């Protein structure tokens, strides 16, 4: 931005940037003469915007390079004795790096386990293309539509909470919309609980067979799911979950480890001659029956990339929040997740090809100890996530404020319902696709588009962005409906 021209007019605003002027200034400052109150408003706004922009650029520079200057005074012993403090400085809360780190933690999860299966449905090339398109659409809907609407709300109503229920209330003006949004978010979390109970039981049986022959009790998955529900219930009663505050970081570590192990296992099996060569049909499936595979992949990708509810809190914590900085956070975070997803999906599928299961960790890796460690670690990560989801659901409806008997009864009903539904689930991909075809299209596409159109002034929304948001919402909605009809055997494929 250009600096205002210097004139002899005593009302002119001047910017003092000299570090040697008296008094010394470390950052840009504005010197205003006694008559500058009557200066043109446009000139004043220009200088304010210039100062803010420089502050933002300084923050960006510090995020990218400032850590190196601060680390020069750190001794090696200090780094070795306080690794968590060292990591904390590298990804400080509110910085771009810290926000990217939090976003990746929010995105990655159990959905990654079904990505090799999704690629098996459509082929390696088609699967990667759909992963890339899904990643971009997440970047657009979360980083552009949602953040743009939240920015407008922050300008008009600075005290308004940046959350889905509050945005729904502002967009529609109806408290029922706020309540419906809370119910929708709770249903999604409830689906995650069902998913995690099912995944933990599957992996527990797989780990058991590695060490012992499976007895009849363990062979019955219902028994395992009942034990999981009973063990989880007391922990889910806790109202203060500060002891589990590092569970998300542990979960990210687990998924990163799983990605590395799956890649390494592919090369080990290839060297041992235990993998089959890739054929053209493994890259792009074009047979008449494969169309439903393309319908299946999208909900799984939506589930894998879902992060929209976390985007708002990450944006709220960002230093000098702006759409430009948040787009940087969103783009880099999704790029990192796409890298992990692409490696897991491609190498997991390339290892087993048509024998790829809907949970890659249930495939036969020949008793690999590294895979067993990954399975155990993932079970722990999922188990500690369940109480967190319970607590979020209770906080959303202020259930934590109820008396202990009511609190216990409601938690028991939630856990019992999750266990009952999990007993009727045929496989884990069914749950991923069901959530990815019902609640998540609303949260990830329909609502961000609604917020963009309702909360933003029309003149501030480019026509291409509006039509892209509407088009993506329509396409995702149509595919989700077709997938649901297929899942419930209303249409065949």
Protein backbone atom coordinates (compact mmCIF):
# COMPACT_ATOMS: atom_id res chain seq x y z
CA UNK A 1 0.00 0.00 0.00
CA UNK A 2 1.39 3.40 -0.95
CA UNK A 3 2.34 5.92 1.76
CA UNK A 4 0.35 9.20 1.61
CA UNK A 5 2.10 11.96 -0.30
CA UNK A 6 3.88 14.55 1.85
CA UNK A 7 2.55 18.10 1.34
CA UNK A 8 2.73 21.46 3.12
CA UNK A 9 -0.84 21.08 4.29
CA UNK A 10 -0.73 21.06 8.12
CA UNK A 11 -3.57 18.50 8.16
CA UNK A 12 -1.47 15.91 6.37
CA UNK A 13 -0.83 12.61 8.19
CA UNK A 14 2.73 11.35 8.11
CA UNK A 15 4.10 7.94 8.94
CA UNK A 16 7.25 7.82 11.03
CA UNK A 17 9.16 4.64 10.27
CA UNK A 18 12.69 5.71 11.15
CA UNK A 19 14.20 3.59 13.92
CA UNK A 20 16.48 6.53 14.89
CA UNK A 21 13.83 9.20 15.28
CA UNK A 22 13.04 10.73 18.65
CA UNK A 23 11.38 9.11 20.43
CA UNK A 24 12.54 5.78 18.92
CA UNK A 25 9.88 3.50 17.52
CA UNK A 26 10.23 -0.23 16.97
CA UNK A 27 7.18 -0.49 14.74
CA UNK A 28 5.32 1.79 12.36
CA UNK A 29 3.57 4.70 14.12
CA UNK A 30 1.36 7.58 13.02
CA UNK A 31 2.30 11.20 13.82
CA UNK A 32 -0.74 13.44 13.77
CA UNK A 33 -0.57 17.25 13.79
CA UNK A 34 -2.90 19.36 15.93
CA UNK A 35 -5.20 20.03 13.01
CA UNK A 36 -5.30 16.39 11.78
CA UNK A 37 -8.69 15.68 13.35
CA UNK A 38 -10.20 17.14 10.21
CA UNK A 39 -8.04 14.99 7.91
CA UNK A 40 -9.89 12.99 5.30
CA UNK A 41 -11.26 9.72 6.67
CA UNK A 42 -10.00 7.76 3.71
CA UNK A 43 -6.42 8.86 4.40
CA UNK A 44 -6.70 7.86 8.05
CA UNK A 45 -8.14 4.43 7.18
CA UNK A 46 -5.31 3.94 4.71
CA UNK A 47 -2.70 4.50 7.39
CA UNK A 48 -4.46 2.26 9.91
CA UNK A 49 -4.75 -0.50 7.35
CA UNK A 50 -1.06 -0.05 6.49
CA UNK A 51 -0.03 -0.39 10.13
CA UNK A 52 -2.21 -3.47 10.66
CA UNK A 53 -0.89 -5.06 7.47
CA UNK A 54 2.69 -4.52 8.63
CA UNK A 55 1.80 -6.07 11.97
CA UNK A 56 0.33 -9.09 10.23
CA UNK A 57 3.39 -9.42 7.99
CA UNK A 58 5.60 -9.20 11.08
CA UNK A 59 3.58 -11.97 12.73
CA UNK A 60 3.85 -14.09 9.58
CA UNK A 61 7.61 -13.53 9.50
CA UNK A 62 7.92 -14.51 13.14
CA UNK A 63 5.85 -17.63 12.52
CA UNK A 64 8.13 -18.62 9.66
CA UNK A 65 11.57 -17.40 10.79
CA UNK A 66 11.44 -15.84 14.23
CA UNK A 67 11.81 -19.17 16.02
CA UNK A 68 15.34 -19.50 14.65
CA UNK A 69 16.36 -16.19 16.24
CA UNK A 70 14.84 -17.13 19.58
CA UNK A 71 16.45 -20.56 19.52
CA UNK A 72 20.00 -19.21 19.20
CA UNK A 73 20.15 -18.69 22.96
CA UNK A 74 18.84 -22.19 23.74
CA UNK A 75 21.33 -24.76 24.86
CA UNK A 76 21.19 -28.37 23.74
CA UNK A 77 20.66 -29.55 27.29
CA UNK A 78 17.64 -27.28 27.65
CA UNK A 79 16.12 -28.77 24.48
CA UNK A 80 16.79 -32.32 25.59
CA UNK A 81 15.47 -31.88 29.11
CA UNK A 82 12.31 -30.03 28.14
CA UNK A 83 11.13 -31.47 24.79
CA UNK A 84 7.49 -30.57 25.31
CA UNK A 85 8.43 -26.96 26.04
CA UNK A 86 10.60 -26.92 22.95
CA UNK A 87 7.76 -28.27 20.80
CA UNK A 88 5.40 -25.75 22.40
CA UNK A 89 7.65 -22.90 21.25
CA UNK A 90 7.77 -24.34 17.74
CA UNK A 91 3.98 -24.44 17.47
CA UNK A 92 2.86 -21.72 19.87
CA UNK A 93 -0.92 -21.26 20.19
CA UNK A 94 -2.31 -18.68 17.81
CA UNK A 95 0.65 -18.75 15.42
CA UNK A 96 0.27 -20.02 11.87
CA UNK A 97 2.34 -23.13 12.64
CA UNK A 98 0.41 -23.81 15.82
CA UNK A 99 -2.92 -23.37 14.03
CA UNK A 100 -1.84 -25.72 11.22
CA UNK A 101 -0.83 -28.28 13.83
CA UNK A 102 -4.22 -27.99 15.58
CA UNK A 103 -6.06 -28.29 12.27
CA UNK A 104 -4.21 -31.49 11.31
CA UNK A 105 -5.05 -32.92 14.74
CA UNK A 106 -8.72 -32.04 14.15
CA UNK A 107 -8.82 -33.70 10.71
CA UNK A 108 -6.95 -36.98 10.94
CA UNK A 109 -8.65 -39.91 12.62
CA UNK A 110 -10.25 -43.29 12.13
CA UNK A 111 -11.51 -42.35 8.66
CA UNK A 112 -7.99 -42.92 7.35
CA UNK A 113 -8.40 -46.67 7.95
CA UNK A 114 -10.95 -47.02 5.13
CA UNK A 115 -9.10 -45.00 2.50
CA UNK A 116 -7.27 -48.03 0.98
CA UNK A 117 -10.68 -49.71 0.69
CA UNK A 118 -12.10 -46.58 -0.96
CA UNK A 119 -9.26 -46.57 -3.49
CA UNK A 120 -9.85 -50.27 -4.15
CA UNK A 121 -13.42 -49.39 -5.15
CA UNK A 122 -12.42 -46.92 -7.89
CA UNK A 123 -8.75 -47.55 -8.66
CA UNK A 124 -5.48 -45.93 -7.64
CA UNK A 125 -5.60 -42.99 -10.04
CA UNK A 126 -9.31 -42.28 -9.58
CA UNK A 127 -8.96 -42.56 -5.80
CA UNK A 128 -6.14 -40.04 -5.66
CA UNK A 129 -8.07 -37.62 -7.87
CA UNK A 130 -11.14 -37.88 -5.63
CA UNK A 131 -8.99 -37.42 -2.52
CA UNK A 132 -7.51 -34.29 -4.07
CA UNK A 133 -10.90 -32.89 -5.12
CA UNK A 134 -12.36 -33.61 -1.67
CA UNK A 135 -9.39 -31.87 -0.05
CA UNK A 136 -9.84 -28.79 -2.23
CA UNK A 137 -13.57 -28.64 -1.56
CA UNK A 138 -12.87 -28.85 2.17
CA UNK A 139 -10.37 -26.00 1.75
CA UNK A 140 -12.99 -23.98 -0.12
CA UNK A 141 -16.00 -24.64 2.11
CA UNK A 142 -14.15 -24.40 5.44
CA UNK A 143 -11.36 -21.96 4.70
CA UNK A 144 -13.24 -19.66 2.36
CA UNK A 145 -17.02 -19.82 2.86
CA UNK A 146 -17.10 -20.54 6.59
CA UNK A 147 -14.25 -18.26 7.63
CA UNK A 148 -15.50 -15.44 5.38
CA UNK A 149 -18.92 -15.58 7.05
CA UNK A 150 -17.36 -15.77 10.52
CA UNK A 151 -15.17 -12.74 9.71
CA UNK A 152 -18.22 -10.71 8.75
CA UNK A 153 -19.95 -11.71 11.98
CA UNK A 154 -16.85 -10.73 13.99
CA UNK A 155 -16.89 -7.26 12.40
CA UNK A 156 -20.60 -6.63 12.99
CA UNK A 157 -20.94 -8.44 16.33
CA UNK A 158 -17.51 -8.76 18.00
CA UNK A 159 -19.00 -10.34 21.13
CA UNK A 160 -20.84 -13.08 19.25
CA UNK A 161 -19.53 -16.60 19.81
CA UNK A 162 -18.07 -18.10 16.64
CA UNK A 163 -19.80 -21.46 16.60
CA UNK A 164 -22.13 -23.36 14.27
CA UNK A 165 -25.23 -22.92 16.47
CA UNK A 166 -24.66 -19.17 16.82
CA UNK A 167 -24.03 -18.72 13.09
CA UNK A 168 -27.18 -20.72 12.35
CA UNK A 169 -29.12 -18.39 14.66
CA UNK A 170 -27.73 -15.29 12.95
CA UNK A 171 -28.31 -16.69 9.45
CA UNK A 172 -31.94 -17.68 10.02
CA UNK A 173 -33.01 -15.55 12.97
CA UNK A 174 -34.71 -18.59 14.49
CA UNK A 175 -33.71 -20.21 17.81
CA UNK A 176 -34.98 -23.48 16.35
CA UNK A 177 -32.16 -23.36 13.81
CA UNK A 178 -29.68 -23.08 16.68
CA UNK A 179 -31.25 -26.08 18.40
CA UNK A 180 -31.29 -28.06 15.14
CA UNK A 181 -27.61 -27.30 14.64
CA UNK A 182 -26.80 -28.58 18.13
CA UNK A 183 -28.73 -31.77 17.42
CA UNK A 184 -26.93 -32.22 14.11
CA UNK A 185 -23.51 -31.80 15.74
CA UNK A 186 -24.47 -34.19 18.55
CA UNK A 187 -25.64 -36.81 16.05
CA UNK A 188 -22.28 -36.58 14.31
CA UNK A 189 -20.40 -37.07 17.58
CA UNK A 190 -22.76 -39.92 18.47
CA UNK A 191 -21.87 -41.52 15.13
CA UNK A 192 -18.19 -41.21 16.00
CA UNK A 193 -18.81 -43.05 19.28
CA UNK A 194 -20.55 -45.90 17.42
CA UNK A 195 -17.70 -46.00 14.93
CA UNK A 196 -15.01 -46.14 17.62
CA UNK A 197 -16.74 -48.91 19.59
CA UNK A 198 -16.91 -50.99 16.41
CA UNK A 199 -13.31 -50.30 15.38
CA UNK A 200 -11.90 -51.05 18.85
CA UNK A 201 -13.73 -54.40 18.97
CA UNK A 202 -12.48 -55.36 15.50
CA UNK A 203 -8.88 -54.49 16.27
CA UNK A 204 -9.00 -56.13 19.72
CA UNK A 205 -9.96 -59.44 18.12
CA UNK A 206 -7.17 -59.05 15.57
CA UNK A 207 -4.57 -58.33 18.25
CA UNK A 208 -5.80 -61.26 20.36
CA UNK A 209 -5.28 -63.72 17.49
CA UNK A 210 -1.68 -62.54 17.23
CA UNK A 211 -0.89 -63.84 20.73
CA UNK A 212 -3.49 -66.55 21.42
CA UNK A 213 -6.15 -68.69 19.84
CA UNK A 214 -9.45 -66.85 20.04
CA UNK A 215 -11.80 -68.37 22.66
CA UNK A 216 -15.59 -68.37 22.03
CA UNK A 217 -16.15 -65.34 24.28
CA UNK A 218 -13.64 -63.19 22.38
CA UNK A 219 -14.81 -64.56 19.03
CA UNK A 220 -18.26 -63.07 19.69
CA UNK A 221 -17.91 -59.41 18.75
CA UNK A 222 -21.01 -58.46 20.74
CA UNK A 223 -19.25 -59.55 23.94
CA UNK A 224 -16.26 -57.37 23.12
CA UNK A 225 -18.42 -54.33 22.32
CA UNK A 226 -20.35 -54.80 25.57
CA UNK A 227 -17.10 -54.89 27.56
CA UNK A 228 -15.87 -51.75 25.77
CA UNK A 229 -19.11 -49.91 26.57
CA UNK A 230 -18.97 -50.96 30.24
CA UNK A 231 -15.32 -49.89 30.58
CA UNK A 232 -15.88 -46.58 28.82
CA UNK A 233 -18.99 -45.63 30.78
CA UNK A 234 -17.31 -44.66 34.12
CA UNK A 235 -14.77 -42.49 32.29
CA UNK A 236 -17.55 -40.86 30.26
CA UNK A 237 -19.17 -39.70 33.52
CA UNK A 238 -16.26 -37.36 34.23
CA UNK A 239 -17.16 -33.69 33.85
CA UNK A 240 -13.54 -32.50 33.88
CA UNK A 241 -11.44 -34.17 31.18
CA UNK A 242 -8.27 -32.11 31.61
CA UNK A 243 -6.37 -35.36 32.17
CA UNK A 244 -7.15 -36.32 28.55
CA UNK A 245 -5.97 -33.02 27.06
CA UNK A 246 -3.09 -34.71 25.21
CA UNK A 247 -5.27 -37.42 23.65
CA UNK A 248 -5.56 -35.57 20.32
CA UNK A 249 -1.78 -35.25 20.05
CA UNK A 250 -1.45 -38.96 20.85
CA UNK A 251 -4.03 -39.75 18.16
CA UNK A 252 -2.09 -37.73 15.58
CA UNK A 253 1.09 -39.56 16.54
CA UNK A 254 -0.70 -42.89 16.06
CA UNK A 255 -2.02 -42.03 12.60
CA UNK A 256 1.39 -40.75 11.50
CA UNK A 257 2.97 -43.97 12.76
CA UNK A 258 0.34 -46.06 10.93
CA UNK A 259 1.08 -44.21 7.69
CA UNK A 260 4.82 -44.88 7.99
CA UNK A 261 4.32 -48.55 8.89
CA UNK A 262 1.94 -49.20 5.98
CA UNK A 263 4.41 -47.65 3.52
CA UNK A 264 7.31 -49.68 4.95
CA UNK A 265 5.27 -52.90 4.99
CA UNK A 266 4.53 -52.50 1.28
CA UNK A 267 8.22 -52.43 0.39
CA UNK A 268 8.95 -55.34 2.73
CA UNK A 269 6.26 -57.46 1.09
CA UNK A 270 7.30 -56.37 -2.38
CA UNK A 271 10.90 -57.37 -1.70
CA UNK A 272 9.70 -60.74 -0.41
CA UNK A 273 7.57 -61.23 -3.55
CA UNK A 274 4.31 -61.22 -1.57
CA UNK A 275 2.61 -58.46 -3.56
CA UNK A 276 0.96 -58.73 -6.98
CA UNK A 277 1.85 -56.33 -9.81
CA UNK A 278 -0.52 -53.48 -10.54
CA UNK A 279 -2.64 -53.79 -13.68
CA UNK A 280 -4.60 -51.15 -15.59
CA UNK A 281 -7.83 -52.08 -13.79
CA UNK A 282 -6.13 -51.21 -10.51
CA UNK A 283 -5.52 -47.63 -11.64
CA UNK A 284 -8.92 -46.77 -13.10
CA UNK A 285 -12.02 -48.90 -12.73
CA UNK A 286 -14.34 -48.49 -15.69
CA UNK A 287 -16.50 -51.62 -15.54
CA UNK A 288 -20.27 -51.04 -15.49
CA UNK A 289 -20.58 -52.12 -11.85
CA UNK A 290 -17.94 -49.67 -10.64
CA UNK A 291 -20.20 -46.59 -10.72
CA UNK A 292 -21.44 -47.27 -7.21
CA UNK A 293 -17.81 -47.33 -6.06
CA UNK A 294 -17.46 -43.69 -7.05
CA UNK A 295 -20.64 -42.91 -5.11
CA UNK A 296 -19.18 -44.73 -2.10
CA UNK A 297 -15.83 -42.95 -2.08
CA UNK A 298 -17.14 -39.40 -1.66
CA UNK A 299 -18.84 -39.95 1.76
CA UNK A 300 -15.70 -41.67 3.05
CA UNK A 301 -13.60 -38.71 1.88
CA UNK A 302 -16.03 -36.25 3.48
CA UNK A 303 -15.72 -38.18 6.74
CA UNK A 304 -11.92 -38.24 6.49
CA UNK A 305 -11.58 -34.48 5.86
CA UNK A 306 -14.31 -33.23 8.22
CA UNK A 307 -12.92 -30.37 10.33
CA UNK A 308 -15.44 -27.55 9.92
CA UNK A 309 -16.55 -27.33 13.54
CA UNK A 310 -12.91 -27.00 14.62
CA UNK A 311 -12.10 -24.37 11.98
CA UNK A 312 -14.04 -21.68 13.84
CA UNK A 313 -12.22 -22.19 17.16
CA UNK A 314 -8.84 -22.30 15.40
CA UNK A 315 -9.70 -19.08 13.57
CA UNK A 316 -10.77 -17.47 16.84
CA UNK A 317 -7.41 -18.31 18.46
CA UNK A 318 -5.33 -17.12 15.49
CA UNK A 319 -3.14 -14.06 16.10
CA UNK A 320 -4.29 -11.15 13.91
CA UNK A 321 -7.13 -13.24 12.43
CA UNK A 322 -7.81 -12.57 8.78
CA UNK A 323 -9.10 -14.60 5.88
CA UNK A 324 -5.68 -14.56 4.22
CA UNK A 325 -3.94 -16.03 7.25
CA UNK A 326 -6.71 -18.57 7.84
CA UNK A 327 -6.58 -19.69 4.21
CA UNK A 328 -2.86 -20.27 4.69
CA UNK A 329 -3.57 -22.38 7.77
CA UNK A 330 -6.35 -24.32 6.06
CA UNK A 331 -4.41 -24.92 2.85
CA UNK A 332 -1.26 -26.17 4.54
CA UNK A 333 -3.19 -28.27 7.06
CA UNK A 334 -5.25 -30.01 4.38
CA UNK A 335 -2.14 -30.49 2.22
CA UNK A 336 -0.47 -32.28 5.14
CA UNK A 337 -3.53 -34.48 5.65
CA UNK A 338 -3.73 -35.24 1.93
CA UNK A 339 -0.11 -36.41 2.05
CA UNK A 340 -0.86 -38.80 4.92
CA UNK A 341 -4.11 -39.98 3.33
CA UNK A 342 -2.54 -40.45 -0.09
CA UNK A 343 0.35 -42.51 1.28
CA UNK A 344 -1.90 -44.67 3.46
CA UNK A 345 -4.50 -45.20 0.77
CA UNK A 346 -2.12 -45.91 -2.11
CA UNK A 347 0.37 -48.17 -0.33
CA UNK A 348 -2.35 -49.92 1.67
CA UNK A 349 -4.22 -50.72 -1.53
CA UNK A 350 -1.06 -51.61 -3.48
CA UNK A 351 -0.15 -54.14 -0.79
CA UNK A 352 -3.41 -56.13 -0.89
CA UNK A 353 -5.16 -54.96 -4.11
CA UNK A 354 -8.57 -56.69 -4.41
CA UNK A 355 -8.18 -58.25 -0.94
CA UNK A 356 -8.10 -54.84 0.76
CA UNK A 357 -10.52 -54.77 3.71
CA UNK A 358 -12.60 -51.80 4.82
CA UNK A 359 -10.23 -51.42 7.80
CA UNK A 360 -6.68 -51.72 6.52
CA UNK A 361 -5.40 -52.85 9.94
CA UNK A 362 -7.56 -55.99 9.66
CA UNK A 363 -5.61 -57.23 6.64
CA UNK A 364 -3.00 -59.94 7.10
CA UNK A 365 0.41 -58.31 7.54
CA UNK A 366 2.06 -61.62 8.39
CA UNK A 367 2.22 -61.04 12.14
CA UNK A 368 4.23 -57.83 11.85
CA UNK A 369 5.09 -56.50 15.31
CA UNK A 370 5.02 -52.93 13.95
CA UNK A 371 1.40 -53.41 12.85
CA UNK A 372 0.46 -54.92 16.23
CA UNK A 373 1.92 -51.85 17.94
CA UNK A 374 -0.09 -49.62 15.60
CA UNK A 375 -3.25 -51.58 16.38
CA UNK A 376 -2.77 -51.30 20.15
CA UNK A 377 -1.89 -47.61 19.97
CA UNK A 378 -4.94 -46.87 17.82
CA UNK A 379 -7.23 -48.70 20.25
CA UNK A 380 -5.93 -46.51 23.08
CA UNK A 381 -6.31 -43.33 21.03
CA UNK A 382 -9.90 -44.14 20.08
CA UNK A 383 -10.79 -45.25 23.60
CA UNK A 384 -9.72 -41.94 25.17
CA UNK A 385 -11.58 -39.98 22.47
CA UNK A 386 -14.98 -41.44 23.40
CA UNK A 387 -15.25 -39.63 26.79
CA UNK A 388 -14.30 -36.35 25.08
CA UNK A 389 -17.17 -36.73 22.58
CA UNK A 390 -19.55 -37.51 25.45
CA UNK A 391 -18.49 -34.38 27.29
CA UNK A 392 -18.88 -32.17 24.22
CA UNK A 393 -22.42 -33.49 23.69
CA UNK A 394 -23.31 -32.82 27.32
CA UNK A 395 -21.79 -29.32 27.27
CA UNK A 396 -23.72 -28.48 24.12
CA UNK A 397 -27.01 -29.13 25.92
CA UNK A 398 -25.75 -28.07 29.37
CA UNK A 399 -26.26 -31.57 30.77
CA UNK A 400 -23.13 -31.29 32.92
CA UNK A 401 -25.03 -28.86 35.12
CA UNK A 402 -27.63 -31.49 36.03
CA UNK A 403 -27.61 -33.50 39.25
CA UNK A 404 -25.46 -36.64 39.41
CA UNK A 405 -28.34 -39.16 39.01
CA UNK A 406 -29.68 -37.35 35.91
CA UNK A 407 -26.13 -36.97 34.60
CA UNK A 408 -25.51 -40.71 35.00
CA UNK A 409 -28.86 -41.65 33.45
CA UNK A 410 -28.37 -39.52 30.33
CA UNK A 411 -24.79 -40.80 29.87
CA UNK A 412 -26.03 -44.38 30.26
CA UNK A 413 -28.72 -43.81 27.63
CA UNK A 414 -26.17 -42.41 25.18
CA UNK A 415 -23.73 -45.27 25.74
CA UNK A 416 -26.48 -47.90 25.63
CA UNK A 417 -27.84 -46.49 22.37
CA UNK A 418 -24.36 -46.39 20.83
CA UNK A 419 -23.74 -50.01 21.86
CA UNK A 420 -27.12 -51.15 20.51
CA UNK A 421 -26.58 -49.51 17.12
CA UNK A 422 -22.97 -50.76 16.92
CA UNK A 423 -24.27 -54.32 17.34
CA UNK A 424 -26.24 -53.97 14.11
CA UNK A 425 -23.46 -52.40 12.02
CA UNK A 426 -22.26 -54.76 9.24
CA UNK A 427 -18.82 -53.14 8.78
CA UNK A 428 -16.94 -49.95 9.58
CA UNK A 429 -17.16 -48.50 6.07
CA UNK A 430 -20.96 -48.59 6.46
CA UNK A 431 -20.70 -46.21 9.44
CA UNK A 432 -18.24 -43.91 7.65
CA UNK A 433 -20.47 -43.73 4.58
CA UNK A 434 -23.63 -43.24 6.67
CA UNK A 435 -22.17 -40.29 8.59
CA UNK A 436 -20.58 -38.95 5.40
CA UNK A 437 -23.95 -39.07 3.63
CA UNK A 438 -26.21 -37.63 6.36
CA UNK A 439 -24.94 -35.18 8.97
CA UNK A 440 -21.57 -34.24 7.47
CA UNK A 441 -22.93 -32.92 4.14
CA UNK A 442 -25.03 -30.50 6.19
CA UNK A 443 -22.13 -29.47 8.41
CA UNK A 444 -19.43 -29.37 5.73
CA UNK A 445 -21.30 -28.03 2.69
CA UNK A 446 -24.93 -26.98 3.17
CA UNK A 447 -24.41 -24.83 6.26
CA UNK A 448 -21.18 -23.06 5.11
CA UNK A 449 -22.94 -22.16 1.85
CA UNK A 450 -25.95 -20.92 3.81
CA UNK A 451 -23.73 -18.82 6.07
CA UNK A 452 -21.94 -17.35 3.05
CA UNK A 453 -25.17 -16.35 1.30
CA UNK A 454 -27.05 -15.15 4.38
CA UNK A 455 -24.37 -13.45 6.48
CA UNK A 456 -22.22 -11.83 3.81
CA UNK A 457 -23.31 -8.71 1.88
CA UNK A 458 -23.96 -9.70 -1.74
CA UNK A 459 -21.48 -7.15 -3.07
CA UNK A 460 -18.69 -8.76 -1.01
CA UNK A 461 -19.16 -12.25 -2.45
CA UNK A 462 -17.75 -12.84 -5.95
CA UNK A 463 -20.24 -14.56 -8.22
CA UNK A 464 -17.84 -17.43 -8.96
CA UNK A 465 -17.50 -18.19 -5.24
CA UNK A 466 -21.25 -18.15 -4.75
CA UNK A 467 -21.94 -20.48 -7.67
CA UNK A 468 -19.07 -22.81 -6.78
CA UNK A 469 -20.43 -23.14 -3.24
CA UNK A 470 -23.96 -23.80 -4.52
CA UNK A 471 -22.72 -26.26 -7.15
CA UNK A 472 -20.61 -28.23 -4.67
CA UNK A 473 -23.52 -28.38 -2.23
CA UNK A 474 -25.92 -29.68 -4.89
CA UNK A 475 -23.48 -32.32 -6.17
CA UNK A 476 -22.60 -33.56 -2.67
CA UNK A 477 -26.28 -33.70 -1.72
CA UNK A 478 -27.22 -35.73 -4.81
CA UNK A 479 -24.37 -38.20 -4.33
CA UNK A 480 -25.19 -38.55 -0.61
CA UNK A 481 -28.82 -39.36 -1.35
CA UNK A 482 -27.85 -41.96 -3.98
CA UNK A 483 -25.39 -43.54 -1.55
CA UNK A 484 -28.05 -43.76 1.17
CA UNK A 485 -30.52 -45.36 -1.24
CA UNK A 486 -27.89 -47.90 -2.19
CA UNK A 487 -26.91 -48.63 1.42
CA UNK A 488 -30.50 -49.41 2.35
CA UNK A 489 -31.00 -51.58 -0.75
CA UNK A 490 -33.52 -49.21 -2.34
CA UNK A 491 -31.38 -49.11 -5.48
CA UNK A 492 -28.88 -51.75 -6.58
CA UNK A 493 -25.47 -51.42 -8.11
